[in-house]
Amino acid sequence: MFQQTSTTSRSSHQLGIDGGRDGACVLIDPQSNVVMCFWWKCRNRKSGKVYCIESSCFSNIQECRHPYQIGAILRQCLTIKANTAIQDNRLTVISEDIYVGRNAKTSVELAKFCGCLVGQVEHLDSTGQATWVKAEKWRRELMGMNSFTKRAEAKEASKRIIPSLVTGLEQHTNKVSDHLTDATGIALWGLKHG
């Protein structure tokens, strides 16, 4: 499994997480090569809310009903990657921090969602705890955006800029979404600050 160390190293793999009802995780190696993509979408069914999960680790779409289950499936994929692609067994988990807006209920729901998801993989981090980064911080450092950039504009910029900063994103998915590019940007920010 993953090795715990006292400090993060630039030689560790980075797992970027863009959490939310629809979201993604991207694992990159120290050379900015995409190792794995993992994404989900929330769907409302007659039986209730369902998360449809896709990944470059498995071929079929998996479904679950709770964010901790998304994290558990992600943990299984990371365990497989630890045995095949991650040679040094070091991993850094970085999640986008929660934006607290005007709607407190939505902010609390998002915080609970991300906590359930990240809680399933945080112990795999080489330091034993995940790193959280604000969207405006990683976007400013990687894409030169200011904190007043509108969300839709930032998402479009992410789709346009981030794929050129890594190798292999398109090989892991048939559609590059803003969630995948944001998760990749978060992982790249982690690599830069490793």
N, C-alpha and C. Protein backbone atom coordinates (compact mmCIF):
# COMPACT_ATOMS: atom_id res chain seq x y z
N MET A 1 0.84 -1.18 0.00
CA MET A 1 0.00 0.00 0.00
C MET A 1 0.88 1.24 0.00
N PHE A 2 0.32 2.39 0.33
CA PHE A 2 1.07 3.63 0.28
C PHE A 2 1.88 3.81 1.54
N GLN A 3 3.05 4.41 1.39
CA GLN A 3 4.00 4.58 2.46
C GLN A 3 3.78 5.94 3.12
N GLN A 4 3.70 5.97 4.45
CA GLN A 4 3.56 7.23 5.18
C GLN A 4 4.94 7.82 5.41
N THR A 5 5.10 9.12 5.15
CA THR A 5 6.35 9.81 5.39
C THR A 5 6.07 11.09 6.15
N SER A 6 7.12 11.66 6.73
CA SER A 6 6.91 12.87 7.53
C SER A 6 6.69 14.10 6.67
N THR A 7 7.19 14.11 5.45
CA THR A 7 6.97 15.26 4.56
C THR A 7 6.57 14.78 3.19
N THR A 8 5.91 15.65 2.47
CA THR A 8 5.54 15.35 1.10
C THR A 8 6.78 15.54 0.23
N SER A 9 6.87 14.78 -0.82
CA SER A 9 8.03 14.87 -1.70
C SER A 9 7.58 15.21 -3.11
N ARG A 10 8.43 15.92 -3.84
CA ARG A 10 8.14 16.23 -5.23
C ARG A 10 8.03 14.96 -6.06
N SER A 11 8.56 13.86 -5.55
CA SER A 11 8.52 12.62 -6.32
C SER A 11 7.24 11.83 -6.06
N SER A 12 6.31 12.39 -5.32
CA SER A 12 5.08 11.65 -5.07
C SER A 12 4.05 11.91 -6.16
N HIS A 13 3.16 10.95 -6.33
CA HIS A 13 2.02 11.10 -7.22
C HIS A 13 1.03 12.06 -6.55
N GLN A 14 0.27 12.77 -7.36
CA GLN A 14 -0.69 13.76 -6.86
C GLN A 14 -2.09 13.35 -7.27
N LEU A 15 -3.01 13.30 -6.31
CA LEU A 15 -4.41 13.04 -6.59
C LEU A 15 -5.17 14.34 -6.38
N GLY A 16 -5.65 14.94 -7.48
CA GLY A 16 -6.45 16.17 -7.40
C GLY A 16 -7.92 15.82 -7.37
N ILE A 17 -8.66 16.44 -6.45
CA ILE A 17 -10.09 16.16 -6.30
C ILE A 17 -10.90 17.43 -6.47
N ASP A 18 -11.83 17.39 -7.43
CA ASP A 18 -12.81 18.46 -7.62
C ASP A 18 -14.14 17.87 -7.18
N GLY A 19 -14.48 18.07 -5.91
CA GLY A 19 -15.65 17.42 -5.33
C GLY A 19 -16.94 18.17 -5.59
N GLY A 20 -18.04 17.47 -5.45
CA GLY A 20 -19.36 18.04 -5.64
C GLY A 20 -20.31 16.99 -6.18
N ARG A 21 -21.58 17.36 -6.35
CA ARG A 21 -22.56 16.40 -6.90
C ARG A 21 -22.08 15.81 -8.21
N ASP A 22 -21.49 16.63 -9.06
CA ASP A 22 -20.76 16.17 -10.24
C ASP A 22 -19.31 16.55 -9.96
N GLY A 23 -18.39 15.63 -10.18
CA GLY A 23 -17.00 15.93 -9.85
C GLY A 23 -16.04 14.95 -10.48
N ALA A 24 -14.77 15.08 -10.11
CA ALA A 24 -13.74 14.23 -10.69
C ALA A 24 -12.51 14.19 -9.81
N CYS A 25 -11.71 13.16 -10.05
CA CYS A 25 -10.39 13.00 -9.43
C CYS A 25 -9.43 12.62 -10.54
N VAL A 26 -8.23 13.18 -10.49
CA VAL A 26 -7.21 12.84 -11.48
C VAL A 26 -5.91 12.58 -10.73
N LEU A 27 -5.27 11.47 -11.08
CA LEU A 27 -3.99 11.08 -10.50
C LEU A 27 -2.91 11.36 -11.54
N ILE A 28 -1.90 12.16 -11.15
CA ILE A 28 -0.77 12.42 -12.05
C ILE A 28 0.52 11.96 -11.38
N ASP A 29 1.50 11.62 -12.21
CA ASP A 29 2.80 11.21 -11.68
C ASP A 29 3.71 12.44 -11.56
N PRO A 30 4.91 12.30 -11.02
CA PRO A 30 5.80 13.46 -10.82
C PRO A 30 6.22 14.17 -12.11
N GLN A 31 6.04 13.52 -13.27
CA GLN A 31 6.39 14.15 -14.55
C GLN A 31 5.16 14.75 -15.24
N SER A 32 4.07 14.90 -14.54
CA SER A 32 2.81 15.48 -15.05
C SER A 32 2.12 14.60 -16.08
N ASN A 33 2.33 13.30 -16.00
CA ASN A 33 1.61 12.35 -16.84
C ASN A 33 0.35 11.91 -16.11
N VAL A 34 -0.78 11.91 -16.79
CA VAL A 34 -2.02 11.44 -16.17
C VAL A 34 -1.97 9.92 -16.06
N VAL A 35 -2.18 9.43 -14.85
CA VAL A 35 -2.14 7.99 -14.56
C VAL A 35 -3.55 7.42 -14.51
N MET A 36 -4.51 8.22 -14.00
CA MET A 36 -5.87 7.73 -13.83
C MET A 36 -6.84 8.91 -13.79
N CYS A 37 -8.01 8.71 -14.38
CA CYS A 37 -9.11 9.67 -14.27
C CYS A 37 -10.31 8.94 -13.66
N PHE A 38 -11.08 9.67 -12.86
CA PHE A 38 -12.21 9.11 -12.14
C PHE A 38 -13.23 10.23 -12.04
N TRP A 39 -14.46 10.03 -12.51
CA TRP A 39 -15.45 11.10 -12.47
C TRP A 39 -16.84 10.55 -12.22
N TRP A 40 -17.73 11.42 -11.75
CA TRP A 40 -19.10 11.01 -11.43
C TRP A 40 -20.07 12.13 -11.75
N LYS A 41 -21.31 11.71 -11.98
CA LYS A 41 -22.41 12.64 -12.22
C LYS A 41 -23.59 12.20 -11.37
N CYS A 42 -24.30 13.16 -10.81
CA CYS A 42 -25.49 12.86 -10.02
C CYS A 42 -26.68 12.78 -10.96
N ARG A 43 -27.46 11.74 -10.80
CA ARG A 43 -28.66 11.53 -11.61
C ARG A 43 -29.84 11.30 -10.66
N ASN A 44 -30.97 11.89 -11.01
CA ASN A 44 -32.18 11.66 -10.23
C ASN A 44 -33.00 10.56 -10.91
N ARG A 45 -33.23 9.50 -10.16
CA ARG A 45 -34.01 8.37 -10.66
C ARG A 45 -35.28 8.27 -9.85
N LYS A 46 -36.20 7.45 -10.30
CA LYS A 46 -37.45 7.25 -9.54
C LYS A 46 -37.14 6.76 -8.13
N SER A 47 -36.10 5.95 -8.00
CA SER A 47 -35.73 5.40 -6.69
C SER A 47 -34.94 6.40 -5.84
N GLY A 48 -34.60 7.56 -6.41
CA GLY A 48 -33.85 8.58 -5.66
C GLY A 48 -32.56 8.96 -6.38
N LYS A 49 -31.74 9.74 -5.69
CA LYS A 49 -30.50 10.24 -6.25
C LYS A 49 -29.48 9.11 -6.39
N VAL A 50 -28.80 9.08 -7.54
CA VAL A 50 -27.79 8.07 -7.83
C VAL A 50 -26.56 8.77 -8.43
N TYR A 51 -25.37 8.33 -8.03
CA TYR A 51 -24.13 8.83 -8.62
C TYR A 51 -23.62 7.79 -9.60
N CYS A 52 -23.45 8.20 -10.85
CA CYS A 52 -22.93 7.32 -11.91
C CYS A 52 -21.44 7.60 -12.04
N ILE A 53 -20.64 6.58 -11.79
CA ILE A 53 -19.19 6.73 -11.73
C ILE A 53 -18.53 6.07 -12.92
N GLU A 54 -17.59 6.78 -13.53
CA GLU A 54 -16.78 6.24 -14.62
C GLU A 54 -15.31 6.46 -14.25
N SER A 55 -14.45 5.61 -14.80
CA SER A 55 -13.03 5.73 -14.52
C SER A 55 -12.22 5.05 -15.60
N SER A 56 -10.97 5.48 -15.72
CA SER A 56 -10.06 4.79 -16.63
C SER A 56 -9.57 3.49 -16.00
N CYS A 57 -10.00 3.20 -14.76
CA CYS A 57 -9.64 1.95 -14.07
C CYS A 57 -10.59 0.80 -14.41
N PHE A 58 -11.83 1.12 -14.75
CA PHE A 58 -12.81 0.08 -15.05
C PHE A 58 -13.62 0.47 -16.27
N SER A 59 -14.19 -0.52 -16.93
CA SER A 59 -14.86 -0.26 -18.21
C SER A 59 -16.35 0.02 -18.07
N ASN A 60 -16.98 -0.47 -17.04
CA ASN A 60 -18.42 -0.26 -16.90
C ASN A 60 -18.72 0.90 -15.96
N ILE A 61 -19.90 1.48 -16.11
CA ILE A 61 -20.34 2.56 -15.23
C ILE A 61 -20.84 1.93 -13.93
N GLN A 62 -20.34 2.45 -12.82
CA GLN A 62 -20.79 1.96 -11.51
C GLN A 62 -21.72 3.00 -10.91
N GLU A 63 -22.67 2.52 -10.12
CA GLU A 63 -23.62 3.43 -9.48
C GLU A 63 -23.59 3.25 -7.97
N CYS A 64 -23.82 4.35 -7.27
CA CYS A 64 -23.94 4.30 -5.82
C CYS A 64 -24.86 5.42 -5.36
N ARG A 65 -25.19 5.43 -4.10
CA ARG A 65 -26.16 6.40 -3.58
C ARG A 65 -25.56 7.41 -2.60
N HIS A 66 -24.32 7.22 -2.18
CA HIS A 66 -23.76 8.08 -1.14
C HIS A 66 -22.32 8.47 -1.48
N PRO A 67 -21.92 9.69 -1.12
CA PRO A 67 -20.56 10.14 -1.43
C PRO A 67 -19.45 9.25 -0.85
N TYR A 68 -19.67 8.67 0.33
CA TYR A 68 -18.62 7.81 0.89
C TYR A 68 -18.40 6.59 0.01
N GLN A 69 -19.45 6.17 -0.73
CA GLN A 69 -19.30 5.04 -1.64
C GLN A 69 -18.47 5.44 -2.87
N ILE A 70 -18.60 6.69 -3.30
CA ILE A 70 -17.74 7.18 -4.38
C ILE A 70 -16.28 7.09 -3.92
N GLY A 71 -16.04 7.55 -2.69
CA GLY A 71 -14.69 7.50 -2.12
C GLY A 71 -14.17 6.08 -1.99
N ALA A 72 -15.04 5.15 -1.62
CA ALA A 72 -14.63 3.75 -1.46
C ALA A 72 -14.23 3.15 -2.81
N ILE A 73 -14.98 3.46 -3.86
CA ILE A 73 -14.64 2.97 -5.20
C ILE A 73 -13.33 3.62 -5.67
N LEU A 74 -13.15 4.91 -5.39
CA LEU A 74 -11.90 5.60 -5.71
C LEU A 74 -10.74 4.94 -4.97
N ARG A 75 -10.94 4.62 -3.70
CA ARG A 75 -9.89 3.96 -2.90
C ARG A 75 -9.48 2.63 -3.54
N GLN A 76 -10.46 1.86 -4.04
CA GLN A 76 -10.15 0.59 -4.72
C GLN A 76 -9.29 0.84 -5.96
N CYS A 77 -9.64 1.86 -6.75
CA CYS A 77 -8.86 2.19 -7.95
C CYS A 77 -7.44 2.59 -7.57
N LEU A 78 -7.29 3.39 -6.52
CA LEU A 78 -5.96 3.83 -6.09
C LEU A 78 -5.14 2.66 -5.58
N THR A 79 -5.78 1.70 -4.93
CA THR A 79 -5.08 0.52 -4.44
C THR A 79 -4.54 -0.29 -5.63
N ILE A 80 -5.33 -0.40 -6.67
CA ILE A 80 -4.88 -1.09 -7.89
C ILE A 80 -3.70 -0.34 -8.49
N LYS A 81 -3.80 0.99 -8.57
CA LYS A 81 -2.71 1.79 -9.14
C LYS A 81 -1.46 1.74 -8.27
N ALA A 82 -1.63 1.61 -6.97
CA ALA A 82 -0.47 1.51 -6.07
C ALA A 82 0.35 0.27 -6.37
N ASN A 83 -0.31 -0.77 -6.81
CA ASN A 83 0.38 -2.01 -7.11
C ASN A 83 0.96 -2.05 -8.52
N THR A 84 0.53 -1.13 -9.40
CA THR A 84 0.99 -1.19 -10.79
C THR A 84 1.73 0.06 -11.24
N ALA A 85 1.19 1.24 -10.99
CA ALA A 85 1.74 2.45 -11.59
C ALA A 85 2.55 3.33 -10.63
N ILE A 86 2.30 3.21 -9.36
CA ILE A 86 2.97 4.09 -8.40
C ILE A 86 4.16 3.34 -7.81
N GLN A 87 5.33 3.60 -8.38
CA GLN A 87 6.53 2.85 -8.02
C GLN A 87 7.03 3.17 -6.61
N ASP A 88 7.02 4.42 -6.23
CA ASP A 88 7.60 4.80 -4.94
C ASP A 88 6.60 4.74 -3.79
N ASN A 89 5.36 4.37 -4.09
CA ASN A 89 4.32 4.23 -3.07
C ASN A 89 4.06 5.49 -2.26
N ARG A 90 4.27 6.66 -2.86
CA ARG A 90 3.97 7.91 -2.17
C ARG A 90 2.88 8.64 -2.93
N LEU A 91 1.94 9.17 -2.19
CA LEU A 91 0.78 9.83 -2.78
C LEU A 91 0.45 11.08 -1.97
N THR A 92 0.07 12.13 -2.67
CA THR A 92 -0.43 13.34 -2.02
C THR A 92 -1.87 13.53 -2.49
N VAL A 93 -2.78 13.71 -1.54
CA VAL A 93 -4.20 13.92 -1.83
C VAL A 93 -4.50 15.40 -1.64
N ILE A 94 -4.97 16.05 -2.71
CA ILE A 94 -5.30 17.47 -2.66
C ILE A 94 -6.73 17.65 -3.14
N SER A 95 -7.54 18.32 -2.33
CA SER A 95 -8.92 18.57 -2.71
C SER A 95 -9.17 20.07 -2.78
N GLU A 96 -10.03 20.45 -3.71
CA GLU A 96 -10.43 21.85 -3.77
C GLU A 96 -11.24 22.16 -2.53
N ASP A 97 -10.90 23.26 -1.89
CA ASP A 97 -11.60 23.68 -0.68
C ASP A 97 -13.03 24.10 -1.02
N ILE A 98 -13.86 24.07 -0.04
CA ILE A 98 -15.27 24.39 -0.21
C ILE A 98 -15.46 25.90 -0.30
N TYR A 99 -16.21 26.32 -1.31
CA TYR A 99 -16.57 27.73 -1.42
C TYR A 99 -17.83 27.96 -0.60
N VAL A 100 -17.74 28.88 0.33
CA VAL A 100 -18.91 29.20 1.16
C VAL A 100 -19.57 30.44 0.57
N GLY A 101 -20.70 30.21 -0.06
CA GLY A 101 -21.42 31.30 -0.72
C GLY A 101 -22.56 31.82 0.14
N ARG A 102 -23.52 32.43 -0.52
CA ARG A 102 -24.66 33.02 0.19
C ARG A 102 -25.62 31.97 0.73
N ASN A 103 -25.68 30.82 0.06
CA ASN A 103 -26.61 29.78 0.47
C ASN A 103 -25.91 28.83 1.44
N ALA A 104 -26.16 29.02 2.73
CA ALA A 104 -25.49 28.23 3.76
C ALA A 104 -25.83 26.74 3.64
N LYS A 105 -27.05 26.42 3.29
CA LYS A 105 -27.46 25.02 3.18
C LYS A 105 -26.65 24.30 2.11
N THR A 106 -26.47 24.92 0.95
CA THR A 106 -25.69 24.34 -0.13
C THR A 106 -24.23 24.17 0.29
N SER A 107 -23.69 25.17 0.98
CA SER A 107 -22.30 25.10 1.43
C SER A 107 -22.10 23.94 2.41
N VAL A 108 -23.03 23.77 3.33
CA VAL A 108 -22.94 22.67 4.30
C VAL A 108 -23.06 21.32 3.60
N GLU A 109 -23.99 21.21 2.66
CA GLU A 109 -24.14 19.95 1.91
C GLU A 109 -22.88 19.61 1.14
N LEU A 110 -22.28 20.60 0.50
CA LEU A 110 -21.05 20.38 -0.25
C LEU A 110 -19.90 19.99 0.68
N ALA A 111 -19.81 20.64 1.83
CA ALA A 111 -18.77 20.30 2.80
C ALA A 111 -18.93 18.86 3.29
N LYS A 112 -20.16 18.44 3.58
CA LYS A 112 -20.39 17.06 4.01
C LYS A 112 -20.04 16.08 2.90
N PHE A 113 -20.44 16.41 1.68
CA PHE A 113 -20.16 15.56 0.52
C PHE A 113 -18.66 15.34 0.38
N CYS A 114 -17.91 16.44 0.33
CA CYS A 114 -16.46 16.34 0.14
C CYS A 114 -15.77 15.67 1.32
N GLY A 115 -16.26 15.90 2.52
CA GLY A 115 -15.70 15.23 3.69
C GLY A 115 -15.86 13.72 3.61
N CYS A 116 -17.04 13.27 3.20
CA CYS A 116 -17.29 11.83 3.03
C CYS A 116 -16.39 11.23 1.96
N LEU A 117 -16.23 11.94 0.86
CA LEU A 117 -15.42 11.46 -0.26
C LEU A 117 -13.93 11.43 0.11
N VAL A 118 -13.41 12.56 0.56
CA VAL A 118 -11.98 12.66 0.88
C VAL A 118 -11.63 11.76 2.06
N GLY A 119 -12.55 11.60 3.00
CA GLY A 119 -12.30 10.74 4.15
C GLY A 119 -11.98 9.30 3.78
N GLN A 120 -12.46 8.86 2.64
CA GLN A 120 -12.21 7.49 2.20
C GLN A 120 -10.79 7.29 1.64
N VAL A 121 -10.13 8.37 1.21
CA VAL A 121 -8.81 8.24 0.60
C VAL A 121 -7.72 9.01 1.34
N GLU A 122 -8.10 9.84 2.30
CA GLU A 122 -7.13 10.68 2.99
C GLU A 122 -6.02 9.88 3.66
N HIS A 123 -6.35 8.74 4.22
CA HIS A 123 -5.33 7.93 4.90
C HIS A 123 -4.27 7.38 3.96
N LEU A 124 -4.53 7.43 2.63
CA LEU A 124 -3.55 6.99 1.64
C LEU A 124 -2.48 8.04 1.39
N ASP A 125 -2.74 9.29 1.81
CA ASP A 125 -1.78 10.36 1.64
C ASP A 125 -0.51 10.03 2.42
N SER A 126 0.63 10.31 1.83
CA SER A 126 1.92 9.99 2.46
C SER A 126 2.12 10.69 3.79
N THR A 127 1.46 11.83 4.00
CA THR A 127 1.58 12.54 5.26
C THR A 127 0.47 12.16 6.24
N GLY A 128 -0.51 11.41 5.78
CA GLY A 128 -1.61 11.00 6.64
C GLY A 128 -2.80 11.93 6.61
N GLN A 129 -2.68 13.06 5.91
CA GLN A 129 -3.83 13.96 5.81
C GLN A 129 -3.84 14.67 4.46
N ALA A 130 -5.03 14.94 3.99
CA ALA A 130 -5.20 15.61 2.70
C ALA A 130 -4.86 17.09 2.81
N THR A 131 -4.52 17.68 1.68
CA THR A 131 -4.29 19.11 1.57
C THR A 131 -5.52 19.71 0.90
N TRP A 132 -5.94 20.88 1.35
CA TRP A 132 -7.09 21.56 0.76
C TRP A 132 -6.61 22.88 0.17
N VAL A 133 -7.04 23.20 -1.04
CA VAL A 133 -6.63 24.43 -1.69
C VAL A 133 -7.86 25.15 -2.25
N LYS A 134 -7.90 26.45 -2.07
CA LYS A 134 -9.01 27.24 -2.61
C LYS A 134 -8.91 27.31 -4.13
N ALA A 135 -10.06 27.30 -4.77
CA ALA A 135 -10.11 27.37 -6.23
C ALA A 135 -9.38 28.60 -6.75
N GLU A 136 -9.61 29.73 -6.12
CA GLU A 136 -8.97 30.96 -6.61
C GLU A 136 -7.45 30.89 -6.50
N LYS A 137 -6.93 30.15 -5.51
CA LYS A 137 -5.48 30.06 -5.34
C LYS A 137 -4.83 29.22 -6.44
N TRP A 138 -5.35 28.00 -6.69
CA TRP A 138 -4.71 27.18 -7.72
C TRP A 138 -4.94 27.77 -9.11
N ARG A 139 -6.09 28.41 -9.32
CA ARG A 139 -6.36 29.02 -10.63
C ARG A 139 -5.44 30.22 -10.88
N ARG A 140 -5.18 31.00 -9.85
CA ARG A 140 -4.28 32.15 -9.98
C ARG A 140 -2.86 31.67 -10.29
N GLU A 141 -2.40 30.66 -9.55
CA GLU A 141 -1.02 30.19 -9.72
C GLU A 141 -0.79 29.44 -11.03
N LEU A 142 -1.77 28.68 -11.50
CA LEU A 142 -1.57 27.90 -12.72
C LEU A 142 -2.04 28.61 -13.99
N MET A 143 -3.10 29.41 -13.86
CA MET A 143 -3.69 30.01 -15.06
C MET A 143 -3.67 31.54 -15.05
N GLY A 144 -3.14 32.13 -13.99
CA GLY A 144 -3.05 33.58 -13.91
C GLY A 144 -4.37 34.29 -13.75
N MET A 145 -5.38 33.61 -13.19
CA MET A 145 -6.70 34.22 -13.04
C MET A 145 -6.80 34.97 -11.71
N ASN A 146 -7.55 36.06 -11.72
CA ASN A 146 -7.75 36.77 -10.45
C ASN A 146 -8.97 36.21 -9.73
N SER A 147 -9.11 36.58 -8.48
CA SER A 147 -10.17 36.01 -7.64
C SER A 147 -11.57 36.51 -8.02
N PHE A 148 -11.67 37.49 -8.90
CA PHE A 148 -12.98 38.01 -9.29
C PHE A 148 -13.49 37.40 -10.59
N THR A 149 -12.75 36.44 -11.14
CA THR A 149 -13.18 35.79 -12.38
C THR A 149 -14.45 34.99 -12.11
N LYS A 150 -15.41 35.13 -12.97
CA LYS A 150 -16.68 34.40 -12.82
C LYS A 150 -16.44 32.90 -12.98
N ARG A 151 -17.24 32.10 -12.29
CA ARG A 151 -17.07 30.65 -12.26
C ARG A 151 -17.11 30.05 -13.68
N ALA A 152 -18.08 30.43 -14.48
CA ALA A 152 -18.21 29.88 -15.83
C ALA A 152 -16.99 30.20 -16.68
N GLU A 153 -16.47 31.40 -16.55
CA GLU A 153 -15.26 31.79 -17.28
C GLU A 153 -14.05 30.98 -16.81
N ALA A 154 -13.95 30.76 -15.50
CA ALA A 154 -12.85 29.98 -14.95
C ALA A 154 -12.90 28.53 -15.43
N LYS A 155 -14.10 27.96 -15.49
CA LYS A 155 -14.26 26.58 -15.96
C LYS A 155 -13.85 26.45 -17.42
N GLU A 156 -14.25 27.41 -18.26
CA GLU A 156 -13.86 27.39 -19.67
C GLU A 156 -12.35 27.54 -19.84
N ALA A 157 -11.75 28.41 -19.04
CA ALA A 157 -10.30 28.59 -19.10
C ALA A 157 -9.59 27.30 -18.69
N SER A 158 -10.13 26.63 -17.70
CA SER A 158 -9.55 25.36 -17.25
C SER A 158 -9.57 24.33 -18.37
N LYS A 159 -10.69 24.23 -19.07
CA LYS A 159 -10.80 23.27 -20.19
C LYS A 159 -9.85 23.62 -21.33
N ARG A 160 -9.55 24.89 -21.49
CA ARG A 160 -8.70 25.34 -22.57
C ARG A 160 -7.20 25.23 -22.22
N ILE A 161 -6.83 25.53 -20.97
CA ILE A 161 -5.42 25.64 -20.58
C ILE A 161 -4.84 24.36 -19.98
N ILE A 162 -5.54 23.75 -19.04
CA ILE A 162 -4.99 22.65 -18.25
C ILE A 162 -4.55 21.44 -19.08
N PRO A 163 -5.32 20.98 -20.09
CA PRO A 163 -4.87 19.80 -20.84
C PRO A 163 -3.48 19.95 -21.46
N SER A 164 -3.08 21.18 -21.78
CA SER A 164 -1.76 21.38 -22.37
C SER A 164 -0.63 21.31 -21.34
N LEU A 165 -0.97 21.30 -20.06
CA LEU A 165 0.04 21.26 -19.00
C LEU A 165 0.37 19.84 -18.55
N VAL A 166 -0.38 18.86 -19.04
CA VAL A 166 -0.14 17.45 -18.68
C VAL A 166 -0.07 16.61 -19.95
N THR A 167 0.36 15.38 -19.77
CA THR A 167 0.40 14.43 -20.88
C THR A 167 -0.61 13.32 -20.61
N GLY A 168 -1.46 13.03 -21.58
CA GLY A 168 -2.31 11.85 -21.52
C GLY A 168 -3.71 12.00 -20.99
N LEU A 169 -4.18 13.22 -20.74
CA LEU A 169 -5.54 13.38 -20.21
C LEU A 169 -6.57 12.81 -21.17
N GLU A 170 -6.42 13.08 -22.45
CA GLU A 170 -7.38 12.62 -23.45
C GLU A 170 -7.38 11.10 -23.60
N GLN A 171 -6.27 10.45 -23.26
CA GLN A 171 -6.18 8.99 -23.38
C GLN A 171 -7.01 8.27 -22.32
N HIS A 172 -7.36 8.97 -21.25
CA HIS A 172 -8.08 8.34 -20.15
C HIS A 172 -9.58 8.57 -20.17
N THR A 173 -10.05 9.41 -21.07
CA THR A 173 -11.48 9.70 -21.11
C THR A 173 -11.88 10.11 -22.52
N ASN A 174 -13.12 9.84 -22.86
CA ASN A 174 -13.59 10.22 -24.20
C ASN A 174 -14.11 11.65 -24.24
N LYS A 175 -14.35 12.26 -23.07
CA LYS A 175 -14.82 13.64 -23.02
C LYS A 175 -14.13 14.35 -21.87
N VAL A 176 -13.37 15.38 -22.18
CA VAL A 176 -12.67 16.13 -21.14
C VAL A 176 -13.62 17.21 -20.61
N SER A 177 -14.08 17.02 -19.38
CA SER A 177 -15.02 17.97 -18.76
C SER A 177 -14.27 18.97 -17.90
N ASP A 178 -14.96 20.03 -17.50
CA ASP A 178 -14.34 21.02 -16.62
C ASP A 178 -14.01 20.41 -15.26
N HIS A 179 -14.75 19.40 -14.83
CA HIS A 179 -14.43 18.74 -13.56
C HIS A 179 -13.10 18.00 -13.67
N LEU A 180 -12.87 17.33 -14.79
CA LEU A 180 -11.60 16.62 -15.00
C LEU A 180 -10.44 17.61 -15.11
N THR A 181 -10.63 18.70 -15.83
CA THR A 181 -9.53 19.66 -15.95
C THR A 181 -9.28 20.38 -14.64
N ASP A 182 -10.33 20.66 -13.86
CA ASP A 182 -10.13 21.27 -12.54
C ASP A 182 -9.38 20.30 -11.62
N ALA A 183 -9.77 19.03 -11.61
CA ALA A 183 -9.08 18.04 -10.77
C ALA A 183 -7.61 17.93 -11.20
N THR A 184 -7.36 17.99 -12.50
CA THR A 184 -5.99 17.95 -13.01
C THR A 184 -5.22 19.19 -12.56
N GLY A 185 -5.86 20.35 -12.63
CA GLY A 185 -5.24 21.59 -12.15
C GLY A 185 -4.89 21.53 -10.69
N ILE A 186 -5.78 20.95 -9.88
CA ILE A 186 -5.53 20.81 -8.45
C ILE A 186 -4.33 19.90 -8.22
N ALA A 187 -4.25 18.79 -8.97
CA ALA A 187 -3.11 17.88 -8.86
C ALA A 187 -1.81 18.58 -9.28
N LEU A 188 -1.87 19.37 -10.35
CA LEU A 188 -0.68 20.11 -10.78
C LEU A 188 -0.25 21.12 -9.74
N TRP A 189 -1.21 21.77 -9.09
CA TRP A 189 -0.89 22.71 -8.01
C TRP A 189 -0.16 21.94 -6.90
N GLY A 190 -0.63 20.74 -6.59
CA GLY A 190 0.03 19.92 -5.57
C GLY A 190 1.44 19.56 -5.97
N LEU A 191 1.64 19.24 -7.23
CA LEU A 191 2.98 18.91 -7.72
C LEU A 191 3.92 20.11 -7.59
N LYS A 192 3.39 21.29 -7.89
CA LYS A 192 4.18 22.52 -7.80
C LYS A 192 4.57 22.83 -6.35
N HIS A 193 3.68 22.49 -5.42
CA HIS A 193 3.91 22.82 -4.01
C HIS A 193 4.41 21.64 -3.18
N GLY A 194 4.70 20.52 -3.86
CA GLY A 194 5.15 19.30 -3.18
C GLY A 194 6.40 19.51 -2.43
